[in-house]
C-alpha atoms as a PDB file:
ATOM      1  CA  UNK A   1     116.875  58.296  89.994  1.00  0.00           C
ATOM      2  CA  UNK A   2     113.719  57.714  91.982  1.00  0.00           C
ATOM      3  CA  UNK A   3     110.254  58.974  91.143  1.00  0.00           C
ATOM      4  CA  UNK A   4     108.302  61.049  93.646  1.00  0.00           C
ATOM      5  CA  UNK A   5     104.915  59.234  93.610  1.00  0.00           C
ATOM      6  CA  UNK A   6     102.714  62.342  93.935  1.00  0.00           C
ATOM      7  CA  UNK A   7     104.656  64.273  91.285  1.00  0.00           C
ATOM      8  CA  UNK A   8     104.543  61.334  88.887  1.00  0.00           C
ATOM      9  CA  UNK A   9     100.823  60.868  89.569  1.00  0.00           C
ATOM     10  CA  UNK A  10     100.128  64.563  88.997  1.00  0.00           C
ATOM     11  CA  UNK A  11     102.106  64.574  85.753  1.00  0.00           C
ATOM     12  CA  UNK A  12     100.309  61.517  84.385  1.00  0.00           C
ATOM     13  CA  UNK A  13      96.913  62.920  85.421  1.00  0.00           C
ATOM     14  CA  UNK A  14      97.683  66.181  83.614  1.00  0.00           C
ATOM     15  CA  UNK A  15      98.814  64.407  80.447  1.00  0.00           C
ATOM     16  CA  UNK A  16      95.775  62.102  80.600  1.00  0.00           C
ATOM     17  CA  UNK A  17      93.424  65.059  80.986  1.00  0.00           C
ATOM     18  CA  UNK A  18      94.967  66.858  78.018  1.00  0.00           C
ATOM     19  CA  UNK A  19      94.669  63.730  75.848  1.00  0.00           C
ATOM     20  CA  UNK A  20      91.044  63.292  76.924  1.00  0.00           C
ATOM     21  CA  UNK A  21      90.158  66.869  75.943  1.00  0.00           C
ATOM     22  CA  UNK A  22      91.997  66.476  72.614  1.00  0.00           C
ATOM     23  CA  UNK A  23      90.008  63.299  71.890  1.00  0.00           C
ATOM     24  CA  UNK A  24      86.761  65.125  72.675  1.00  0.00           C
ATOM     25  CA  UNK A  25      87.758  67.865  70.259  1.00  0.00           C
ATOM     26  CA  UNK A  26      88.623  65.292  67.599  1.00  0.00           C
ATOM     27  CA  UNK A  27      85.198  63.649  67.955  1.00  0.00           C
ATOM     28  CA  UNK A  28      83.535  67.062  67.661  1.00  0.00           C
ATOM     29  CA  UNK A  29      85.519  67.948  64.529  1.00  0.00           C
ATOM     30  CA  UNK A  30      85.594  64.615  62.668  1.00  0.00           C
ATOM     31  CA  UNK A  31      83.815  61.686  64.240  1.00  0.00           C
ATOM     32  CA  UNK A  32      84.313  59.508  61.125  1.00  0.00           C
ATOM     33  CA  UNK A  33      88.110  59.728  61.201  1.00  0.00           C
ATOM     34  CA  UNK A  34      88.103  59.176  64.968  1.00  0.00           C
ATOM     35  CA  UNK A  35      86.009  56.021  64.603  1.00  0.00           C
ATOM     36  CA  UNK A  36      88.335  54.806  61.842  1.00  0.00           C
ATOM     37  CA  UNK A  37      91.393  55.148  64.058  1.00  0.00           C
ATOM     38  CA  UNK A  38      89.598  53.454  66.970  1.00  0.00           C
ATOM     39  CA  UNK A  39      88.771  50.529  64.672  1.00  0.00           C
ATOM     40  CA  UNK A  40      92.453  50.198  63.793  1.00  0.00           C
ATOM     41  CA  UNK A  41      93.486  50.224  67.471  1.00  0.00           C
ATOM     42  CA  UNK A  42      90.953  47.593  68.600  1.00  0.00           C
ATOM     43  CA  UNK A  43      91.510  44.641  66.285  1.00  0.00           C
ATOM     44  CA  UNK A  44      88.331  42.986  65.108  1.00  0.00           C
ATOM     45  CA  UNK A  45      85.969  45.731  66.309  1.00  0.00           C
ATOM     46  CA  UNK A  46      84.346  47.891  63.637  1.00  0.00           C
ATOM     47  CA  UNK A  47      83.609  51.149  65.431  1.00  0.00           C
ATOM     48  CA  UNK A  48      82.408  52.682  62.156  1.00  0.00           C
ATOM     49  CA  UNK A  49      79.374  50.364  62.208  1.00  0.00           C
ATOM     50  CA  UNK A  50      78.165  51.804  65.520  1.00  0.00           C
ATOM     51  CA  UNK A  51      75.458  54.460  65.362  1.00  0.00           C
ATOM     52  CA  UNK A  52      76.885  57.970  65.745  1.00  0.00           C
ATOM     53  CA  UNK A  53      76.287  59.641  69.085  1.00  0.00           C
ATOM     54  CA  UNK A  54      77.067  63.127  70.279  1.00  0.00           C
ATOM     55  CA  UNK A  55      78.492  63.112  73.798  1.00  0.00           C
ATOM     56  CA  UNK A  56      76.613  65.248  76.293  1.00  0.00           C
ATOM     57  CA  UNK A  57      78.245  67.507  78.885  1.00  0.00           C
ATOM     58  CA  UNK A  58      77.447  65.081  81.704  1.00  0.00           C
ATOM     59  CA  UNK A  59      79.116  62.070  80.105  1.00  0.00           C
ATOM     60  CA  UNK A  60      82.095  64.193  79.034  1.00  0.00           C
ATOM     61  CA  UNK A  61      82.542  65.477  82.591  1.00  0.00           C
ATOM     62  CA  UNK A  62      82.247  62.024  84.166  1.00  0.00           C
ATOM     63  CA  UNK A  63      84.641  60.642  81.547  1.00  0.00           C
ATOM     64  CA  UNK A  64      87.201  63.364  82.183  1.00  0.00           C
ATOM     65  CA  UNK A  65      87.041  62.973  85.967  1.00  0.00           C
ATOM     66  CA  UNK A  66      87.281  59.174  85.930  1.00  0.00           C
ATOM     67  CA  UNK A  67      90.029  59.143  83.272  1.00  0.00           C
ATOM     68  CA  UNK A  68      92.140  61.695  85.155  1.00  0.00           C
ATOM     69  CA  UNK A  69      91.539  59.791  88.403  1.00  0.00           C
ATOM     70  CA  UNK A  70      92.593  56.502  86.837  1.00  0.00           C
ATOM     71  CA  UNK A  71      95.668  58.177  85.335  1.00  0.00           C
ATOM     72  CA  UNK A  72      96.608  59.653  88.740  1.00  0.00           C
ATOM     73  CA  UNK A  73      96.324  56.273  90.471  1.00  0.00           C
ATOM     74  CA  UNK A  74      98.308  54.638  87.657  1.00  0.00           C
ATOM     75  CA  UNK A  75     101.076  57.238  87.969  1.00  0.00           C
ATOM     76  CA  UNK A  76     101.254  56.806  91.733  1.00  0.00           C
ATOM     77  CA  UNK A  77     101.435  52.997  91.513  1.00  0.00           C
ATOM     78  CA  UNK A  78     103.956  53.244  88.667  1.00  0.00           C
ATOM     79  CA  UNK A  79     106.267  55.466  90.745  1.00  0.00           C
ATOM     80  CA  UNK A  80     106.122  53.117  93.744  1.00  0.00           C
ATOM     81  CA  UNK A  81     106.793  50.057  91.562  1.00  0.00           C
ATOM     82  CA  UNK A  82     109.578  51.836  89.680  1.00  0.00           C
ATOM     83  CA  UNK A  83     111.276  52.848  92.921  1.00  0.00           C
ATOM     84  CA  UNK A  84     111.118  49.276  94.207  1.00  0.00           C
ATOM     85  CA  UNK A  85     112.625  47.884  91.011  1.00  0.00           C
ATOM     86  CA  UNK A  86     115.582  50.276  90.951  1.00  0.00           C
ATOM     87  CA  UNK A  87     116.484  49.362  94.533  1.00  0.00           C
ATOM     88  CA  UNK A  88     117.175  45.743  93.526  1.00  0.00           C
END
């Protein structure tokens, strides 16, 4: 089964956008627990020691747009690579 690159890219961009918005909500609700999980994901980095910051609408918008864009490109490249590998 081959992947349609644009459909795969759109699906990954949608999922990435939803995850981004959920992370924003998590930060708004409980920044301490969010920072604790981030510290566990990035070994050796103590995110809890960073000063707390409240994201502004501009940084949230730029973050959402760039994250969704990166996810779309990743999905497109993934589909092309996947299709090449299954042909071999």
